Amino acid sequence: MQDTGRGGRPKEPTLPKRVKVGAQMWDIKELSVTADPLLAEGNLGYTQDSRNIIVIDKDQSESKKKVTVWHELMHAARMTFDADDTKKLDYEGWEHHFIGVWENSLLMILRDNPKLTEWLLNDR
């Protein structure tokens, strides 16, 4: 049964506050530029590996938030799954290295986080 809001209309999906990336849980925080000095430097978001936190600018448009969250989740996936030995690789080796990092990790993020996937794919 679909969750409904006022008037029986389906509720719009919302950005989850916590997502799973591999074996790790990451918190997603929406902050204003005035509340976070790193966002005040023109960043739309950032990923803090030491605390498993993704921070995004809460005042950007909904469609831009989705791109920003997805961008930051790619950082989280790289931090989780990549040993970063790419300095020794030629271009083809580098390309296949990163495709190998992304092919399973991004699909895993989408499958393990159905609320996130629903929010990302909602055309609002």
Protein backbone atom coordinates (compact mmCIF):
# COMPACT_ATOMS: atom_id res chain seq x y z
CA MET A 1 0.00 0.00 0.00
CA GLN A 2 1.37 3.40 -0.96
CA ASP A 3 1.94 5.94 1.78
CA THR A 4 -0.38 8.91 1.35
CA GLY A 5 -0.37 12.47 2.56
CA ARG A 6 -3.22 14.94 2.90
CA GLY A 7 -6.18 14.37 0.65
CA GLY A 8 -5.11 10.80 -0.10
CA ARG A 9 -2.38 11.91 -2.53
CA PRO A 10 0.83 9.90 -2.50
CA LYS A 11 3.55 11.45 -0.34
CA GLU A 12 6.56 12.80 -2.20
CA PRO A 13 9.68 10.76 -1.48
CA THR A 14 12.14 12.52 0.82
CA LEU A 15 15.90 12.34 1.08
CA PRO A 16 16.82 9.62 3.60
CA LYS A 17 18.92 10.80 6.53
CA ARG A 18 20.99 7.61 6.55
CA VAL A 19 22.20 5.33 3.73
CA LYS A 20 24.20 2.13 3.49
CA VAL A 21 27.39 2.05 1.41
CA GLY A 22 28.89 -1.43 1.52
CA ALA A 23 29.14 -2.42 5.18
CA GLN A 24 29.08 1.20 6.38
CA MET A 25 26.23 3.53 7.28
CA TRP A 26 26.52 7.17 6.19
CA ASP A 27 24.54 10.08 7.62
CA ILE A 28 23.24 12.71 5.20
CA LYS A 29 22.82 16.20 6.61
CA GLU A 30 21.21 19.19 4.92
CA LEU A 31 22.70 22.43 6.21
CA SER A 32 22.60 26.05 5.14
CA VAL A 33 25.59 27.98 3.86
CA THR A 34 25.45 30.14 7.00
CA ALA A 35 25.57 27.06 9.27
CA ASP A 36 28.54 25.35 7.60
CA PRO A 37 31.74 27.18 6.62
CA LEU A 38 32.69 24.49 4.06
CA LEU A 39 29.46 25.12 2.15
CA ALA A 40 30.13 28.87 2.35
CA GLU A 41 33.20 28.32 0.16
CA GLY A 42 30.93 27.63 -2.83
CA ASN A 43 30.63 23.88 -2.31
CA LEU A 44 27.21 22.31 -2.87
CA GLY A 45 28.20 19.37 -0.67
CA TYR A 46 31.05 17.35 0.77
CA THR A 47 31.84 13.91 2.17
CA GLN A 48 33.68 13.44 5.46
CA ASP A 49 35.21 9.97 5.47
CA SER A 50 36.40 9.99 9.10
CA ARG A 51 32.83 10.40 10.40
CA ASN A 52 30.82 8.82 7.53
CA ILE A 53 28.91 12.05 6.94
CA ILE A 54 27.65 13.61 3.72
CA VAL A 55 26.65 17.27 3.98
CA ILE A 56 24.69 19.09 1.28
CA ASP A 57 23.50 22.67 0.92
CA LYS A 58 19.83 22.54 1.88
CA ASP A 59 18.96 25.65 -0.14
CA GLN A 60 19.82 24.29 -3.59
CA SER A 61 16.98 23.18 -5.87
CA GLU A 62 15.55 19.69 -5.40
CA SER A 63 16.92 18.48 -8.74
CA LYS A 64 20.38 19.85 -7.91
CA LYS A 65 20.24 18.19 -4.47
CA LYS A 66 19.78 14.82 -6.18
CA VAL A 67 22.85 15.36 -8.34
CA THR A 68 24.84 16.60 -5.31
CA VAL A 69 23.83 13.63 -3.14
CA TRP A 70 24.68 11.19 -5.95
CA HIS A 71 28.04 12.95 -6.44
CA GLU A 72 28.82 12.70 -2.72
CA LEU A 73 27.72 9.05 -2.63
CA MET A 74 30.28 8.33 -5.35
CA HIS A 75 32.92 9.81 -3.03
CA ALA A 76 31.61 7.58 -0.22
CA ALA A 77 31.75 4.54 -2.52
CA ARG A 78 35.31 5.32 -3.55
CA MET A 79 36.33 5.82 0.07
CA THR A 80 34.70 2.51 0.98
CA PHE A 81 35.79 0.29 -1.92
CA ASP A 82 38.94 1.79 -3.47
CA ALA A 83 42.52 1.17 -2.33
CA ASP A 84 43.73 4.02 -4.62
CA ASP A 85 46.63 2.34 -6.38
CA THR A 86 45.80 4.18 -9.61
CA LYS A 87 49.02 6.21 -9.75
CA LYS A 88 50.78 3.22 -11.33
CA LEU A 89 48.17 2.64 -14.06
CA ASP A 90 48.04 3.77 -17.68
CA TYR A 91 44.79 5.31 -18.95
CA GLU A 92 43.15 1.97 -19.91
CA GLY A 93 44.13 0.43 -16.59
CA TRP A 94 42.87 3.50 -14.73
CA GLU A 95 39.57 3.46 -16.62
CA HIS A 96 38.97 -0.24 -15.89
CA HIS A 97 39.99 0.22 -12.28
CA PHE A 98 37.29 2.85 -11.72
CA ILE A 99 34.65 1.00 -13.72
CA GLY A 100 35.39 -1.96 -11.44
CA VAL A 101 34.95 0.24 -8.36
CA TRP A 102 31.64 1.69 -9.64
CA GLU A 103 29.95 -1.30 -11.31
CA ASN A 104 29.15 -3.15 -8.08
CA SER A 105 29.26 -0.37 -5.51
CA LEU A 106 26.74 1.96 -7.19
CA LEU A 107 24.30 -0.86 -7.91
CA MET A 108 24.68 -1.99 -4.29
CA ILE A 109 23.90 1.53 -3.02
CA LEU A 110 20.72 1.66 -5.13
CA ARG A 111 19.57 -1.83 -4.08
CA ASP A 112 20.42 -1.40 -0.38
CA ASN A 113 18.65 1.98 -0.12
CA PRO A 114 15.20 1.80 -1.77
CA LYS A 115 14.05 5.09 -0.19
CA LEU A 116 17.12 6.85 -1.57
CA THR A 117 16.52 5.31 -5.00
CA GLU A 118 12.87 6.39 -4.94
CA TRP A 119 13.88 9.95 -3.98
CA LEU A 120 16.59 10.12 -6.66
CA LEU A 121 14.28 8.89 -9.41
CA ASN A 122 11.26 11.00 -8.47
CA ASP A 123 10.71 13.67 -11.12
CA ARG A 124 9.80 16.48 -8.72
